[in-house]
Amino acid sequence: MAKPTQEQIDQLSLAFERFTRRFKVAEAAAAAENALNALDAQTLVFISENAGCNAGEIASYLDVAPTTMSSAIERLVRKGLIERRRPEENRRSVALTATLKGLQAVDDHKAGYRNACEAMLRALNSREQTQLIRLTEKIADTKVE
């Protein structure tokens, strides 16, 4: 792998700031109806895809402190987007599941992402679209040192 120049780092930094700002607008629009911040949205998506999970599993996956996760879960419960239940096999644990309202919020959130991705890809020709996807996947799969 090539070592990037300072100019390349600066160019990517500015481009990524614009890119992120644009993407955040779409995410915010999708989350606005349920007033979800980024952590709450990620937590809700994880719970919807892993019904019966617990707070520790989510905190580990999202790499946040357990107390931070507890606060996010409490906000989602208060909004009626998830529910807690105690499994019969282990009454000391708490299993989390998305409610119907929560599943709809996840669908809205994912639709916002898909719409933003579609808008980004429309700005490129077919070859560039393939390159963007390939490079984004490569970066996403690279371990941070």
C-alpha atoms as a PDB file:
ATOM      1  CA  MET A   1       0.000   0.000   0.000  1.00  0.00           C
ATOM      2  CA  ALA A   2       1.228   3.478  -0.863  1.00  0.00           C
ATOM      3  CA  LYS A   3       1.817   6.105   1.782  1.00  0.00           C
ATOM      4  CA  PRO A   4      -0.503   9.062   1.069  1.00  0.00           C
ATOM      5  CA  THR A   5       0.869  12.584   0.692  1.00  0.00           C
ATOM      6  CA  GLN A   6      -0.246  15.403   2.954  1.00  0.00           C
ATOM      7  CA  GLU A   7      -2.008  17.000  -0.029  1.00  0.00           C
ATOM      8  CA  GLN A   8      -3.977  13.788  -0.656  1.00  0.00           C
ATOM      9  CA  ILE A   9      -4.908  13.563   3.013  1.00  0.00           C
ATOM     10  CA  ASP A  10      -6.101  17.191   2.973  1.00  0.00           C
ATOM     11  CA  GLN A  11      -8.092  16.670  -0.245  1.00  0.00           C
ATOM     12  CA  LEU A  12      -9.755  13.520   1.068  1.00  0.00           C
ATOM     13  CA  SER A  13     -10.492  15.197   4.391  1.00  0.00           C
ATOM     14  CA  LEU A  14     -12.322  18.078   2.707  1.00  0.00           C
ATOM     15  CA  ALA A  15     -14.156  15.779   0.295  1.00  0.00           C
ATOM     16  CA  PHE A  16     -15.134  13.437   3.103  1.00  0.00           C
ATOM     17  CA  GLU A  17     -16.451  16.326   5.216  1.00  0.00           C
ATOM     18  CA  ARG A  18     -18.731  17.391   2.330  1.00  0.00           C
ATOM     19  CA  PHE A  19     -19.691  13.775   1.652  1.00  0.00           C
ATOM     20  CA  THR A  20     -20.522  13.145   5.322  1.00  0.00           C
ATOM     21  CA  ARG A  21     -22.521  16.363   5.625  1.00  0.00           C
ATOM     22  CA  ARG A  22     -24.596  15.399   2.589  1.00  0.00           C
ATOM     23  CA  PHE A  23     -25.142  11.869   3.864  1.00  0.00           C
ATOM     24  CA  LYS A  24     -26.082  13.124   7.346  1.00  0.00           C
ATOM     25  CA  VAL A  25     -28.848  15.269   5.853  1.00  0.00           C
ATOM     26  CA  ALA A  26     -30.491  12.171   4.371  1.00  0.00           C
ATOM     27  CA  GLU A  27     -30.012  10.247   7.620  1.00  0.00           C
ATOM     28  CA  ALA A  28     -31.469  13.094   9.662  1.00  0.00           C
ATOM     29  CA  ALA A  29     -34.508  13.330   7.408  1.00  0.00           C
ATOM     30  CA  ALA A  30     -35.187   9.617   7.819  1.00  0.00           C
ATOM     31  CA  ALA A  31     -34.714   9.766  11.596  1.00  0.00           C
ATOM     32  CA  ALA A  32     -36.558  13.060  12.153  1.00  0.00           C
ATOM     33  CA  GLU A  33     -40.008  11.522  12.569  1.00  0.00           C
ATOM     34  CA  ASN A  34     -38.744   9.402  15.464  1.00  0.00           C
ATOM     35  CA  ALA A  35     -36.186  11.992  16.670  1.00  0.00           C
ATOM     36  CA  LEU A  36     -33.351   9.475  16.695  1.00  0.00           C
ATOM     37  CA  ASN A  37     -29.740  10.440  17.145  1.00  0.00           C
ATOM     38  CA  ALA A  38     -27.050   8.377  15.380  1.00  0.00           C
ATOM     39  CA  LEU A  39     -26.445   6.029  18.337  1.00  0.00           C
ATOM     40  CA  ASP A  40     -30.147   5.373  18.880  1.00  0.00           C
ATOM     41  CA  ALA A  41     -30.635   4.675  15.168  1.00  0.00           C
ATOM     42  CA  GLN A  42     -27.694   2.241  15.084  1.00  0.00           C
ATOM     43  CA  THR A  43     -28.941   0.563  18.259  1.00  0.00           C
ATOM     44  CA  LEU A  44     -32.442   0.166  16.848  1.00  0.00           C
ATOM     45  CA  VAL A  45     -31.114  -1.290  13.583  1.00  0.00           C
ATOM     46  CA  PHE A  46     -28.973  -3.799  15.528  1.00  0.00           C
ATOM     47  CA  ILE A  47     -31.919  -4.862  17.705  1.00  0.00           C
ATOM     48  CA  SER A  48     -34.181  -5.246  14.662  1.00  0.00           C
ATOM     49  CA  GLU A  49     -31.612  -7.545  13.054  1.00  0.00           C
ATOM     50  CA  ASN A  50     -30.803  -9.444  16.278  1.00  0.00           C
ATOM     51  CA  ALA A  51     -34.096  -9.953  18.113  1.00  0.00           C
ATOM     52  CA  GLY A  52     -33.575 -11.092  21.683  1.00  0.00           C
ATOM     53  CA  CYS A  53     -30.116  -9.539  21.991  1.00  0.00           C
ATOM     54  CA  ASN A  54     -28.966  -7.853  25.190  1.00  0.00           C
ATOM     55  CA  ALA A  55     -27.380  -4.496  25.986  1.00  0.00           C
ATOM     56  CA  GLY A  56     -23.891  -5.960  26.325  1.00  0.00           C
ATOM     57  CA  GLU A  57     -23.998  -7.447  22.838  1.00  0.00           C
ATOM     58  CA  ILE A  58     -25.076  -4.135  21.339  1.00  0.00           C
ATOM     59  CA  ALA A  59     -22.481  -2.133  23.299  1.00  0.00           C
ATOM     60  CA  SER A  60     -19.766  -4.503  22.144  1.00  0.00           C
ATOM     61  CA  TYR A  61     -20.872  -4.375  18.512  1.00  0.00           C
ATOM     62  CA  LEU A  62     -21.145  -0.561  18.469  1.00  0.00           C
ATOM     63  CA  ASP A  63     -18.021  -0.182  20.639  1.00  0.00           C
ATOM     64  CA  VAL A  64     -19.645   2.027  23.267  1.00  0.00           C
ATOM     65  CA  ALA A  65     -19.656   1.948  27.061  1.00  0.00           C
ATOM     66  CA  PRO A  66     -22.391  -0.114  28.750  1.00  0.00           C
ATOM     67  CA  THR A  67     -23.744   3.006  30.493  1.00  0.00           C
ATOM     68  CA  THR A  68     -24.033   4.781  27.141  1.00  0.00           C
ATOM     69  CA  MET A  69     -25.905   1.786  25.746  1.00  0.00           C
ATOM     70  CA  SER A  70     -28.251   1.715  28.746  1.00  0.00           C
ATOM     71  CA  SER A  71     -29.205   5.337  28.081  1.00  0.00           C
ATOM     72  CA  ALA A  72     -29.846   4.635  24.380  1.00  0.00           C
ATOM     73  CA  ILE A  73     -31.997   1.625  25.234  1.00  0.00           C
ATOM     74  CA  GLU A  74     -34.004   3.643  27.745  1.00  0.00           C
ATOM     75  CA  ARG A  75     -34.695   6.347  25.124  1.00  0.00           C
ATOM     76  CA  LEU A  76     -35.842   3.723  22.603  1.00  0.00           C
ATOM     77  CA  VAL A  77     -38.119   2.042  25.165  1.00  0.00           C
ATOM     78  CA  ARG A  78     -39.687   5.416  26.100  1.00  0.00           C
ATOM     79  CA  LYS A  79     -40.389   6.105  22.418  1.00  0.00           C
ATOM     80  CA  GLY A  80     -42.049   2.713  22.031  1.00  0.00           C
ATOM     81  CA  LEU A  81     -39.496   1.545  19.450  1.00  0.00           C
ATOM     82  CA  ILE A  82     -38.180  -1.437  21.424  1.00  0.00           C
ATOM     83  CA  GLU A  83     -39.348  -3.550  24.333  1.00  0.00           C
ATOM     84  CA  ARG A  84     -37.570  -5.418  27.082  1.00  0.00           C
ATOM     85  CA  ARG A  85     -38.509  -8.879  28.237  1.00  0.00           C
ATOM     86  CA  ARG A  86     -37.018 -11.445  30.586  1.00  0.00           C
ATOM     87  CA  PRO A  87     -36.379 -14.803  28.900  1.00  0.00           C
ATOM     88  CA  GLU A  88     -37.793 -17.813  30.759  1.00  0.00           C
ATOM     89  CA  GLU A  89     -34.446 -19.623  30.553  1.00  0.00           C
ATOM     90  CA  ASN A  90     -32.576 -16.781  32.297  1.00  0.00           C
ATOM     91  CA  ARG A  91     -34.744 -14.408  34.322  1.00  0.00           C
ATOM     92  CA  ARG A  92     -31.697 -12.260  35.218  1.00  0.00           C
ATOM     93  CA  SER A  93     -31.049 -11.224  31.625  1.00  0.00           C
ATOM     94  CA  VAL A  94     -33.050  -8.796  29.491  1.00  0.00           C
ATOM     95  CA  ALA A  95     -33.854  -9.573  25.850  1.00  0.00           C
ATOM     96  CA  LEU A  96     -34.532  -6.658  23.523  1.00  0.00           C
ATOM     97  CA  THR A  97     -36.829  -6.680  20.499  1.00  0.00           C
ATOM     98  CA  ALA A  98     -38.068  -4.009  18.126  1.00  0.00           C
ATOM     99  CA  THR A  99     -41.757  -3.144  18.227  1.00  0.00           C
ATOM    100  CA  LEU A 100     -43.800  -2.696  15.042  1.00  0.00           C
ATOM    101  CA  LYS A 101     -43.218   1.049  15.379  1.00  0.00           C
ATOM    102  CA  GLY A 102     -39.489   0.354  15.773  1.00  0.00           C
ATOM    103  CA  LEU A 103     -39.398  -1.866  12.700  1.00  0.00           C
ATOM    104  CA  GLN A 104     -41.092   0.896  10.695  1.00  0.00           C
ATOM    105  CA  ALA A 105     -38.506   3.389  11.975  1.00  0.00           C
ATOM    106  CA  VAL A 106     -35.731   1.021  10.833  1.00  0.00           C
ATOM    107  CA  ASP A 107     -37.347   0.763   7.398  1.00  0.00           C
ATOM    108  CA  ASP A 108     -37.520   4.575   7.208  1.00  0.00           C
ATOM    109  CA  HIS A 109     -33.891   4.877   8.338  1.00  0.00           C
ATOM    110  CA  LYS A 110     -32.672   2.360   5.757  1.00  0.00           C
ATOM    111  CA  ALA A 111     -34.732   4.050   3.040  1.00  0.00           C
ATOM    112  CA  GLY A 112     -32.968   7.330   3.857  1.00  0.00           C
ATOM    113  CA  TYR A 113     -29.593   5.629   3.444  1.00  0.00           C
ATOM    114  CA  ARG A 114     -30.646   3.987   0.184  1.00  0.00           C
ATOM    115  CA  ASN A 115     -31.899   7.313  -1.177  1.00  0.00           C
ATOM    116  CA  ALA A 116     -28.613   9.013  -0.259  1.00  0.00           C
ATOM    117  CA  CYS A 117     -26.617   6.195  -1.857  1.00  0.00           C
ATOM    118  CA  GLU A 118     -28.709   6.398  -5.002  1.00  0.00           C
ATOM    119  CA  ALA A 119     -28.107  10.151  -5.213  1.00  0.00           C
ATOM    120  CA  MET A 120     -24.351   9.647  -4.806  1.00  0.00           C
ATOM    121  CA  LEU A 121     -24.226   6.932  -7.455  1.00  0.00           C
ATOM    122  CA  ARG A 122     -26.287   9.009  -9.909  1.00  0.00           C
ATOM    123  CA  ALA A 123     -23.460  11.571  -9.924  1.00  0.00           C
ATOM    124  CA  LEU A 124     -21.130   8.918 -11.426  1.00  0.00           C
ATOM    125  CA  ASN A 125     -20.951   6.960 -14.643  1.00  0.00           C
ATOM    126  CA  SER A 126     -21.278   3.170 -14.550  1.00  0.00           C
ATOM    127  CA  ARG A 127     -17.522   2.529 -14.320  1.00  0.00           C
ATOM    128  CA  GLU A 128     -17.126   5.086 -11.533  1.00  0.00           C
ATOM    129  CA  GLN A 129     -20.071   3.583  -9.647  1.00  0.00           C
ATOM    130  CA  THR A 130     -18.379   0.164  -9.697  1.00  0.00           C
ATOM    131  CA  GLN A 131     -15.080   1.714  -8.570  1.00  0.00           C
ATOM    132  CA  LEU A 132     -16.720   3.659  -5.734  1.00  0.00           C
ATOM    133  CA  ILE A 133     -18.454   0.558  -4.426  1.00  0.00           C
ATOM    134  CA  ARG A 134     -15.299  -1.556  -4.697  1.00  0.00           C
ATOM    135  CA  LEU A 135     -13.108   1.054  -2.996  1.00  0.00           C
ATOM    136  CA  THR A 136     -15.654   1.753  -0.259  1.00  0.00           C
ATOM    137  CA  GLU A 137     -15.895  -1.966   0.508  1.00  0.00           C
ATOM    138  CA  LYS A 138     -12.089  -2.203   0.585  1.00  0.00           C
ATOM    139  CA  ILE A 139     -11.815   0.687   3.035  1.00  0.00           C
ATOM    140  CA  ALA A 140     -14.675  -0.661   5.189  1.00  0.00           C
ATOM    141  CA  ASP A 141     -12.945  -4.058   5.413  1.00  0.00           C
ATOM    142  CA  THR A 142      -9.541  -2.618   6.370  1.00  0.00           C
ATOM    143  CA  LYS A 143      -8.537  -2.833  10.034  1.00  0.00           C
ATOM    144  CA  VAL A 144      -7.603   0.519  11.576  1.00  0.00           C
ATOM    145  CA  GLU A 145      -4.113   0.461  13.048  1.00  0.00           C
END
